Structures are given as structure tokens and as C-alpha cells.
Amino acid sequence: MKIYLLERDAENYRWLEYKNIFVDYNGYRVSLFDYFHAHVTAGISMAGFNERIECKTIRDKKNRILGDYPHFALPAISSRAKEVLEKHLEGLVEIFPLDAGKWGTYYFLNIMNVLDVLDTEESTMKMLPSGLILNISKYIFTPEIINQNTRLFKIENDKRGPIYINEETKQLIESAGLEGFIFTQVWDSEDPDFVYEPRRIF
């Protein structure tokens, strides 16, 4: 089994950002940044969320498109990516619309699949005293990962951290020709000598 970080190609595609940063929530005018910081936590359902979120693009060079997995404050995918991935990821994510103006409807993902499968003794990482993970430089997963649904997941103690996928999801994205996704391998169950090499951004 191979596990990958699911990353965005932020260098070659346009980015999304909030067009209006305030929404009405329970009678209060709140910042989207504050709202999502307080409410979007992997593994916790956002069922019933129905705010209309408008977005605009930045890094608008003429030769750049928005792509299917643009850089955004939340994991966001295009309508095309939703068609490809929705059934494959059923039960693992919640999907909510974003109004991207002339680019049409995009969607943000709330990750529901959180797995406690990282071997924190054998992996190399920096952690806060609370036990939350700051970063990981060497991944070792427990044998239990083999019996888990790893199509798309986050790891326990790092719910606001990266998204991980398996080989099956990677191949589905690639075979559909979706653009803007980057896959960085972090682990290989069949290769004890595999070395994770973090991708340098910019």
C-alpha cells in the first residue's frame, strides 16, 4: 500500500479567495475565517450548513486556469472533479457549494474520515505539548491502516493538517485528467527503505 499527500499546484494555477468575508450566522455578522476556524474540524459534520459563499480568483495571469483543485482556505474542487470523486468518496467527505463567479460552481470538502493510524513512536515529527502534530518528516503507519478506508483521510491529532489518499484515488484522479493535483508519496508498506521527500513550495 502506498499513501500520498494530496497537494495543490499553487504555482501554475489560479487561486480562490473569499469575495465577501462576512456572513450572517445565528443573527450575528461573522468573518468566514472565524466561522470556519471554529466550525470546520475534520471528523465533525457540517450537515445543515447552507451559507452562500462567493469566491474570486487571484494570481490571474492570462495563461493560468483555475484548475480542478485550486489553492483555497478550504479543500476545494471543481464541478468536474466532484463528478469524478463524489461516489468514490461517499461517506468520507461532506461537499458544499462555492460560487466562483464566471468559473461556475466549485465545492469545498469537509473531511469526515479521520484515522488513528500513524505510529507516533516510529514516525519523526514535531508535536505540541497538547499532542497536536506540527509537522511530520518521516511517516510510519501502523499495521491497522491496511484494514482502514484510505481513499481519502486525515490523521488523528492533525485534523487541520494535510489530506492523504491511497493509490486507488490517485489513479482515479489521473485517469480522469483532473488538473491542479499534486501527489507526494509519504509511505510504502512494501518498501521499508522508502524515504519521504517533502515537496518544496515555490
Protein backbone atom coordinates (compact mmCIF):
# COMPACT_ATOMS: atom_id res chain seq x y z
CA MET A 1 0.00 0.00 0.00
CA LYS A 2 1.18 3.48 -0.90
CA ILE A 3 -0.03 6.64 0.81
CA TYR A 4 0.22 10.12 -0.71
CA LEU A 5 -0.23 13.68 0.43
CA LEU A 6 -2.90 15.34 -1.71
CA GLU A 7 -1.48 18.77 -2.52
CA ARG A 8 -2.39 21.69 -4.78
CA ASP A 9 -0.36 23.01 -7.67
CA ALA A 10 -0.36 26.57 -6.40
CA GLU A 11 2.38 27.71 -8.77
CA ASN A 12 0.71 27.00 -12.10
CA TYR A 13 -2.99 27.58 -11.43
CA ARG A 14 -5.12 30.45 -10.21
CA TRP A 15 -6.15 30.64 -6.58
CA LEU A 16 -9.56 31.13 -4.99
CA GLU A 17 -10.25 33.52 -2.15
CA TYR A 18 -13.38 34.75 -0.39
CA LYS A 19 -15.18 37.57 -2.21
CA ASN A 20 -17.24 38.54 0.82
CA ILE A 21 -15.54 37.64 4.08
CA PHE A 22 -18.59 38.11 6.32
CA VAL A 23 -21.74 36.00 6.62
CA ASP A 24 -24.82 36.18 8.81
CA TYR A 25 -24.80 33.30 11.28
CA ASN A 26 -27.37 32.86 14.05
CA GLY A 27 -28.19 36.55 13.95
CA TYR A 28 -24.56 37.70 14.04
CA ARG A 29 -22.27 39.08 11.36
CA VAL A 30 -19.20 36.86 11.48
CA SER A 31 -15.98 36.53 9.50
CA LEU A 32 -15.74 33.42 7.32
CA PHE A 33 -12.21 32.93 8.64
CA ASP A 34 -13.52 32.94 12.22
CA TYR A 35 -16.51 30.78 11.31
CA PHE A 36 -14.52 28.07 9.60
CA HIS A 37 -11.74 28.15 12.19
CA ALA A 38 -14.37 27.50 14.84
CA HIS A 39 -16.61 25.08 12.96
CA VAL A 40 -14.67 23.16 10.31
CA THR A 41 -12.85 20.33 12.04
CA ALA A 42 -12.21 17.05 10.29
CA GLY A 43 -14.49 14.35 11.56
CA ILE A 44 -17.26 16.73 12.69
CA SER A 45 -20.31 17.01 10.46
CA MET A 46 -21.42 20.35 8.98
CA ALA A 47 -24.82 18.98 7.98
CA GLY A 48 -27.27 21.83 7.53
CA PHE A 49 -24.67 24.41 6.51
CA ASN A 50 -26.31 26.47 3.75
CA GLU A 51 -24.44 29.78 3.60
CA ARG A 52 -23.78 31.08 0.08
CA ILE A 53 -20.05 31.61 -0.23
CA GLU A 54 -18.85 33.76 -3.11
CA CYS A 55 -15.27 33.50 -4.32
CA LYS A 56 -12.97 35.33 -6.68
CA THR A 57 -9.69 34.34 -8.26
CA ILE A 58 -6.22 35.70 -7.68
CA ARG A 59 -2.91 35.11 -9.48
CA ASP A 60 -4.87 35.96 -12.62
CA LYS A 61 -2.25 35.68 -15.33
CA LYS A 62 -3.93 35.10 -18.68
CA ASN A 63 -2.24 31.75 -19.25
CA ARG A 64 -3.46 30.33 -15.95
CA ILE A 65 -6.71 28.45 -15.43
CA LEU A 66 -8.38 27.77 -12.11
CA GLY A 67 -7.96 24.02 -12.34
CA ASP A 68 -9.84 21.27 -10.55
CA TYR A 69 -8.14 21.62 -7.13
CA PRO A 70 -7.33 25.30 -6.60
CA HIS A 71 -5.48 26.80 -3.68
CA PHE A 72 -8.12 27.98 -1.19
CA ALA A 73 -8.63 28.32 2.57
CA LEU A 74 -10.53 25.01 2.46
CA PRO A 75 -10.10 21.92 0.26
CA ALA A 76 -11.95 22.94 -2.92
CA ILE A 77 -12.72 21.04 -6.11
CA SER A 78 -14.35 21.84 -9.45
CA SER A 79 -17.70 20.52 -10.66
CA ARG A 80 -15.78 18.17 -12.94
CA ALA A 81 -13.77 16.81 -10.00
CA LYS A 82 -16.97 16.41 -7.98
CA GLU A 83 -18.48 14.27 -10.72
CA VAL A 84 -15.41 12.04 -10.73
CA LEU A 85 -14.86 11.79 -6.97
CA GLU A 86 -18.24 12.10 -5.25
CA LYS A 87 -19.26 8.45 -5.42
CA HIS A 88 -15.70 7.25 -4.76
CA LEU A 89 -15.53 9.35 -1.58
CA GLU A 90 -19.08 8.72 -0.37
CA GLY A 91 -19.21 8.69 3.41
CA LEU A 92 -15.69 10.07 3.70
CA VAL A 93 -16.40 13.74 2.96
CA GLU A 94 -19.21 16.27 3.05
CA ILE A 95 -19.47 18.50 -0.04
CA PHE A 96 -20.75 22.10 -0.06
CA PRO A 97 -21.00 24.57 -2.99
CA LEU A 98 -18.87 27.64 -3.63
CA ASP A 99 -19.91 30.36 -6.08
CA ALA A 100 -16.78 31.04 -8.17
CA GLY A 101 -18.40 33.63 -10.44
CA LYS A 102 -17.51 33.20 -14.10
CA TRP A 103 -15.72 29.96 -13.24
CA GLY A 104 -19.01 28.38 -12.18
CA THR A 105 -19.71 26.29 -9.11
CA TYR A 106 -16.85 24.86 -7.08
CA TYR A 107 -17.20 22.83 -3.91
CA PHE A 108 -15.42 22.69 -0.59
CA LEU A 109 -14.86 19.45 1.28
CA ASN A 110 -15.34 18.73 4.96
CA ILE A 111 -13.24 15.64 5.65
CA MET A 112 -15.14 13.13 7.79
CA ASN A 113 -12.67 10.25 7.60
CA VAL A 114 -10.12 10.65 10.42
CA LEU A 115 -7.86 7.65 11.07
CA ASP A 116 -5.71 6.91 14.11
CA VAL A 117 -3.10 5.00 12.09
CA LEU A 118 0.12 7.00 12.46
CA ASP A 119 2.80 5.27 14.56
CA THR A 120 3.83 8.26 16.66
CA GLU A 121 6.72 6.34 18.26
CA GLU A 122 8.40 5.34 15.00
CA SER A 123 7.50 8.40 12.90
CA THR A 124 9.62 11.56 13.07
CA MET A 125 7.57 14.66 13.89
CA LYS A 126 7.22 17.79 15.92
CA MET A 127 4.35 17.88 18.38
CA LEU A 128 2.84 20.42 20.73
CA PRO A 129 2.56 19.57 24.44
CA SER A 130 -1.16 19.04 23.78
CA GLY A 131 -0.30 16.18 21.44
CA LEU A 132 -1.25 18.03 18.25
CA ILE A 133 1.14 17.48 15.35
CA LEU A 134 3.03 20.44 13.89
CA ASN A 135 4.81 18.62 11.06
CA ILE A 136 5.96 15.16 10.05
CA SER A 137 9.29 14.44 8.38
CA LYS A 138 9.08 10.63 8.44
CA TYR A 139 5.86 8.65 8.21
CA ILE A 140 5.38 5.22 9.71
CA PHE A 141 1.83 3.91 9.75
CA THR A 142 0.54 1.13 11.99
CA PRO A 143 -0.46 -2.27 10.55
CA GLU A 144 -4.10 -1.34 11.21
CA ILE A 145 -4.03 1.02 8.23
CA ILE A 146 -4.36 -1.97 5.89
CA ASN A 147 -7.91 -2.59 7.16
CA GLN A 148 -8.99 1.07 7.04
CA ASN A 149 -10.62 3.07 4.24
CA THR A 150 -7.69 5.13 2.98
CA ARG A 151 -9.28 6.51 -0.19
CA LEU A 152 -9.10 9.95 1.44
CA PHE A 153 -8.42 10.73 5.09
CA LYS A 154 -6.83 12.90 7.72
CA ILE A 155 -4.90 11.60 10.70
CA GLU A 156 -5.76 11.86 14.36
CA ASN A 157 -4.02 14.74 16.20
CA ASP A 158 -3.65 16.59 12.89
CA LYS A 159 -7.25 17.23 11.86
CA ARG A 160 -6.43 20.65 10.41
CA GLY A 161 -3.41 19.25 8.62
CA PRO A 162 -2.85 17.61 5.23
CA ILE A 163 -5.17 15.31 3.31
CA TYR A 164 -3.94 11.81 2.49
CA ILE A 165 -5.05 9.40 -0.23
CA ASN A 166 -4.18 5.92 -1.44
CA GLU A 167 -3.09 4.64 -4.84
CA GLU A 168 -6.66 3.94 -5.95
CA THR A 169 -7.72 7.58 -5.52
CA LYS A 170 -4.53 8.85 -7.13
CA GLN A 171 -5.13 6.70 -10.21
CA LEU A 172 -8.78 7.81 -10.43
CA ILE A 173 -7.76 11.50 -10.45
CA GLU A 174 -5.02 10.90 -13.00
CA SER A 175 -7.14 8.76 -15.33
CA ALA A 176 -9.87 11.45 -15.35
CA GLY A 177 -7.34 14.08 -16.42
CA LEU A 178 -8.14 16.36 -13.48
CA GLU A 179 -5.80 19.34 -13.22
CA GLY A 180 -4.06 21.06 -10.32
CA PHE A 181 -3.50 17.99 -8.11
CA ILE A 182 -0.05 17.06 -6.85
CA PHE A 183 0.69 13.70 -5.21
CA THR A 184 3.63 13.40 -2.82
CA GLN A 185 4.27 9.87 -1.65
CA VAL A 186 4.84 9.60 2.10
CA TRP A 187 4.83 5.84 2.75
CA ASP A 188 5.07 2.43 1.11
CA SER A 189 4.12 -0.65 3.14
CA GLU A 190 6.17 -2.89 0.83
CA ASP A 191 9.35 -0.82 0.85
CA PRO A 192 10.96 -0.39 4.29
CA ASP A 193 13.70 1.73 2.73
CA PHE A 194 11.32 4.28 1.21
CA VAL A 195 12.27 7.85 2.12
CA TYR A 196 9.68 10.64 2.15
CA GLU A 197 10.93 13.78 0.44
CA PRO A 198 8.79 16.85 1.27
CA ARG A 199 7.90 18.94 -1.74
CA ARG A 200 9.40 22.41 -1.79
CA ILE A 201 6.72 25.06 -2.39
CA PHE A 202 7.83 27.99 -4.52
